[in-house]
Amino acid sequence: MKTEKDKMLAGENYFANDKQLVEERLRAKKLLHKLNVTEYVMNGNARNILHQLLPNAHKRLYVEPPFFCDYGYNIHAGENVYFNVNCVVLDGMKVEIGNNVFFGPHVQLYTASHPLDAMERRTVEFSKPISIGNDCWVGGNTVICPGVKIGNGCTIGAGSVVTKDIPDNSLAVGNPAKVIRKLNK
């Protein structure tokens, strides 16, 4: 029989207040507290905390505290990834981030979603993966919604809400974000 975590990772409806999931989020919160409050600057201790929190991220990851996530282990980040202050990654599902990706302040990545039916929404939620290619820049206050894929070489303008996939080498802006032009390869 599938656990609630198995369902979450498979993109099925799951009960988020399952004991195992609550414990895993609590573990992440304790590490985030150390990162965001105790250390607050990127030093050796903060790097050790990040490696525990984000075991699937490259060691050349830089996070400007405060930073927030649900689990941490679902964040798969390549080399030379930078998160500016107040970034949020709701990682109930895999978040794949390529190499050389830069996030402005207050960027939010949401894999979590909820059923439209009000009665069903009371007890379950679901997640969809997010993928961001290599060499991307995501401007401040951008929201990336569940299930979105952003191609290589993209720039997402500040304040955008990305609800649909963005092809390689595109400049996308707005709410909802739309591609306004292609960028040089």
Protein backbone atom coordinates (compact mmCIF):
# COMPACT_ATOMS: atom_id res chain seq x y z
CA MET A 1 0.00 0.00 0.00
CA LYS A 2 1.27 3.48 -0.89
CA THR A 3 2.22 5.86 1.89
CA GLU A 4 1.08 9.47 1.77
CA LYS A 5 4.67 10.39 0.87
CA ASP A 6 4.57 7.92 -2.04
CA LYS A 7 1.35 9.55 -3.23
CA MET A 8 2.85 13.04 -2.86
CA LEU A 9 5.93 12.12 -4.90
CA ALA A 10 3.74 10.47 -7.57
CA GLY A 11 1.61 13.59 -8.03
CA GLU A 12 -1.50 11.96 -6.58
CA ASN A 13 -3.85 13.41 -4.00
CA TYR A 14 -2.34 12.97 -0.55
CA PHE A 15 -3.02 13.89 3.06
CA ALA A 16 -0.41 16.53 3.96
CA ASN A 17 -0.89 16.10 7.72
CA ASP A 18 0.30 12.51 7.60
CA LYS A 19 2.66 11.85 10.52
CA GLN A 20 5.71 11.11 8.34
CA LEU A 21 5.23 14.24 6.22
CA VAL A 22 4.70 16.42 9.29
CA GLU A 23 7.93 15.06 10.81
CA GLU A 24 9.85 15.69 7.59
CA ARG A 25 8.59 19.28 7.37
CA LEU A 26 9.50 19.79 11.04
CA ARG A 27 13.05 18.57 10.34
CA ALA A 28 13.30 21.07 7.48
CA LYS A 29 11.92 23.88 9.68
CA LYS A 30 14.54 23.18 12.35
CA LEU A 31 17.33 23.36 9.76
CA LEU A 32 15.79 26.51 8.26
CA HIS A 33 15.70 28.11 11.70
CA LYS A 34 19.42 27.43 12.09
CA LEU A 35 20.11 28.84 8.63
CA ASN A 36 17.79 31.85 8.85
CA VAL A 37 18.29 32.83 12.48
CA THR A 38 21.38 31.29 14.05
CA GLU A 39 23.79 31.69 11.12
CA TYR A 40 22.15 34.18 8.74
CA VAL A 41 25.38 34.60 6.78
CA MET A 42 26.87 32.10 4.35
CA ASN A 43 29.76 30.57 6.26
CA GLY A 44 30.98 27.03 6.93
CA ASN A 45 28.17 26.31 9.40
CA ALA A 46 25.53 27.62 7.00
CA ARG A 47 26.94 25.47 4.19
CA ASN A 48 26.74 22.37 6.41
CA ILE A 49 23.11 23.20 7.20
CA LEU A 50 22.36 23.66 3.48
CA HIS A 51 23.92 20.28 2.64
CA GLN A 52 21.66 18.64 5.24
CA LEU A 53 18.58 20.56 4.12
CA LEU A 54 19.22 20.26 0.36
CA PRO A 55 21.05 16.95 -0.12
CA ASN A 56 20.26 16.93 -3.87
CA ALA A 57 21.75 20.34 -4.56
CA HIS A 58 25.26 20.94 -5.89
CA LYS A 59 27.77 22.14 -3.31
CA ARG A 60 28.12 25.40 -5.29
CA LEU A 61 24.71 26.67 -4.20
CA TYR A 62 24.40 30.07 -2.56
CA VAL A 63 21.40 31.06 -0.48
CA GLU A 64 20.96 34.54 0.92
CA PRO A 65 18.88 34.03 4.11
CA PRO A 66 16.09 33.98 4.88
CA PHE A 67 15.10 31.03 2.71
CA PHE A 68 12.05 28.78 3.03
CA CYS A 69 11.07 25.32 1.78
CA ASP A 70 8.82 22.44 2.83
CA TYR A 71 11.13 19.42 2.66
CA GLY A 72 14.40 20.38 0.97
CA TYR A 73 15.19 16.93 -0.42
CA ASN A 74 12.96 17.53 -3.46
CA ILE A 75 15.09 20.49 -4.58
CA HIS A 76 17.61 19.30 -7.18
CA ALA A 77 19.87 22.23 -8.01
CA GLY A 78 22.85 22.29 -10.36
CA GLU A 79 26.10 24.16 -10.01
CA ASN A 80 26.25 27.92 -9.43
CA VAL A 81 22.64 28.46 -8.33
CA TYR A 82 21.88 31.63 -6.38
CA PHE A 83 18.79 32.38 -4.28
CA ASN A 84 18.44 35.98 -3.13
CA VAL A 85 16.60 36.88 0.11
CA ASN A 86 13.12 35.58 1.00
CA CYS A 87 12.83 32.89 -1.65
CA VAL A 88 10.19 30.19 -1.07
CA VAL A 89 10.24 26.70 -2.60
CA LEU A 90 7.19 24.57 -1.79
CA ASP A 91 8.81 21.29 -2.76
CA GLY A 92 6.19 18.59 -2.30
CA MET A 93 7.35 17.36 -5.71
CA LYS A 94 10.69 17.53 -7.49
CA VAL A 95 12.01 20.99 -8.31
CA GLU A 96 14.78 20.65 -10.87
CA ILE A 97 17.06 23.67 -11.33
CA GLY A 98 19.87 23.68 -13.90
CA ASN A 99 23.32 25.23 -13.71
CA ASN A 100 23.93 28.98 -13.51
CA VAL A 101 20.42 29.92 -12.40
CA PHE A 102 19.81 33.13 -10.45
CA PHE A 103 16.69 33.94 -8.43
CA GLY A 104 15.91 37.51 -7.41
CA PRO A 105 14.44 38.38 -4.01
CA HIS A 106 11.04 37.00 -3.05
CA VAL A 107 10.87 34.43 -5.86
CA GLN A 108 8.37 31.67 -5.10
CA LEU A 109 8.25 28.20 -6.63
CA TYR A 110 5.06 26.27 -5.88
CA THR A 111 4.76 22.56 -6.63
CA ALA A 112 1.82 22.33 -4.21
CA SER A 113 -1.75 22.69 -5.42
CA HIS A 114 -5.25 21.88 -4.23
CA PRO A 115 -8.37 20.32 -5.70
CA LEU A 116 -10.99 22.74 -7.01
CA ASP A 117 -13.74 20.84 -5.19
CA ALA A 118 -14.15 22.51 -1.78
CA MET A 119 -15.03 19.32 0.08
CA GLU A 120 -12.09 17.40 -1.37
CA ARG A 121 -9.75 20.34 -0.67
CA ARG A 122 -10.46 20.00 3.06
CA THR A 123 -8.50 16.75 3.28
CA VAL A 124 -6.08 16.41 0.36
CA GLU A 125 -3.69 18.29 -1.87
CA PHE A 126 -1.39 17.33 -4.75
CA SER A 127 1.85 18.49 -6.31
CA LYS A 128 3.28 18.91 -9.81
CA PRO A 129 7.02 19.17 -10.59
CA ILE A 130 8.81 22.34 -11.67
CA SER A 131 11.80 22.38 -14.02
CA ILE A 132 14.09 25.32 -14.74
CA GLY A 133 16.83 24.92 -17.36
CA ASN A 134 20.43 26.12 -17.38
CA ASP A 135 21.47 29.78 -17.52
CA CYS A 136 18.18 31.30 -16.37
CA TRP A 137 17.49 34.48 -14.46
CA VAL A 138 14.23 34.78 -12.54
CA GLY A 139 13.43 38.35 -11.51
CA GLY A 140 12.29 39.36 -8.03
CA ASN A 141 8.73 38.71 -6.85
CA THR A 142 8.14 36.09 -9.54
CA VAL A 143 5.81 33.17 -8.84
CA ILE A 144 6.34 29.89 -10.70
CA CYS A 145 3.24 27.70 -10.54
CA PRO A 146 2.95 23.90 -10.27
CA GLY A 147 3.90 21.87 -13.33
CA VAL A 148 5.79 24.65 -15.14
CA LYS A 149 8.89 23.98 -17.24
CA ILE A 150 11.21 26.88 -18.05
CA GLY A 151 13.72 26.19 -20.81
CA ASN A 152 17.44 26.97 -21.00
CA GLY A 153 18.65 30.54 -21.32
CA CYS A 154 15.42 32.21 -20.18
CA THR A 155 14.86 35.47 -18.36
CA ILE A 156 11.64 35.89 -16.40
CA GLY A 157 10.81 39.54 -15.68
CA ALA A 158 10.30 40.75 -12.12
CA GLY A 159 6.78 40.33 -10.76
CA SER A 160 5.76 37.71 -13.31
CA VAL A 161 3.41 34.83 -12.59
CA VAL A 162 4.49 31.85 -14.67
CA THR A 163 1.50 29.58 -15.26
CA LYS A 164 2.62 27.84 -18.50
CA ASP A 165 5.83 26.42 -19.92
CA ILE A 166 8.40 28.86 -21.31
CA PRO A 167 10.53 27.69 -24.29
CA ASP A 168 14.34 27.97 -24.44
CA ASN A 169 15.94 31.39 -24.86
CA SER A 170 12.83 33.42 -24.10
CA LEU A 171 12.13 36.64 -22.26
CA ALA A 172 8.80 36.23 -20.47
CA VAL A 173 7.03 38.88 -18.38
CA GLY A 174 3.65 39.66 -16.88
CA ASN A 175 0.71 38.11 -15.10
CA PRO A 176 0.25 35.60 -16.54
CA ALA A 177 3.78 35.55 -17.97
CA LYS A 178 3.97 35.66 -21.74
CA VAL A 179 6.98 35.35 -24.02
CA ILE A 180 7.63 38.81 -25.46
CA ARG A 181 10.73 37.95 -27.47
CA LYS A 182 13.43 35.38 -28.12
CA LEU A 183 16.88 35.92 -26.64
CA ASN A 184 20.23 35.37 -28.35
CA LYS A 185 21.60 31.88 -27.99
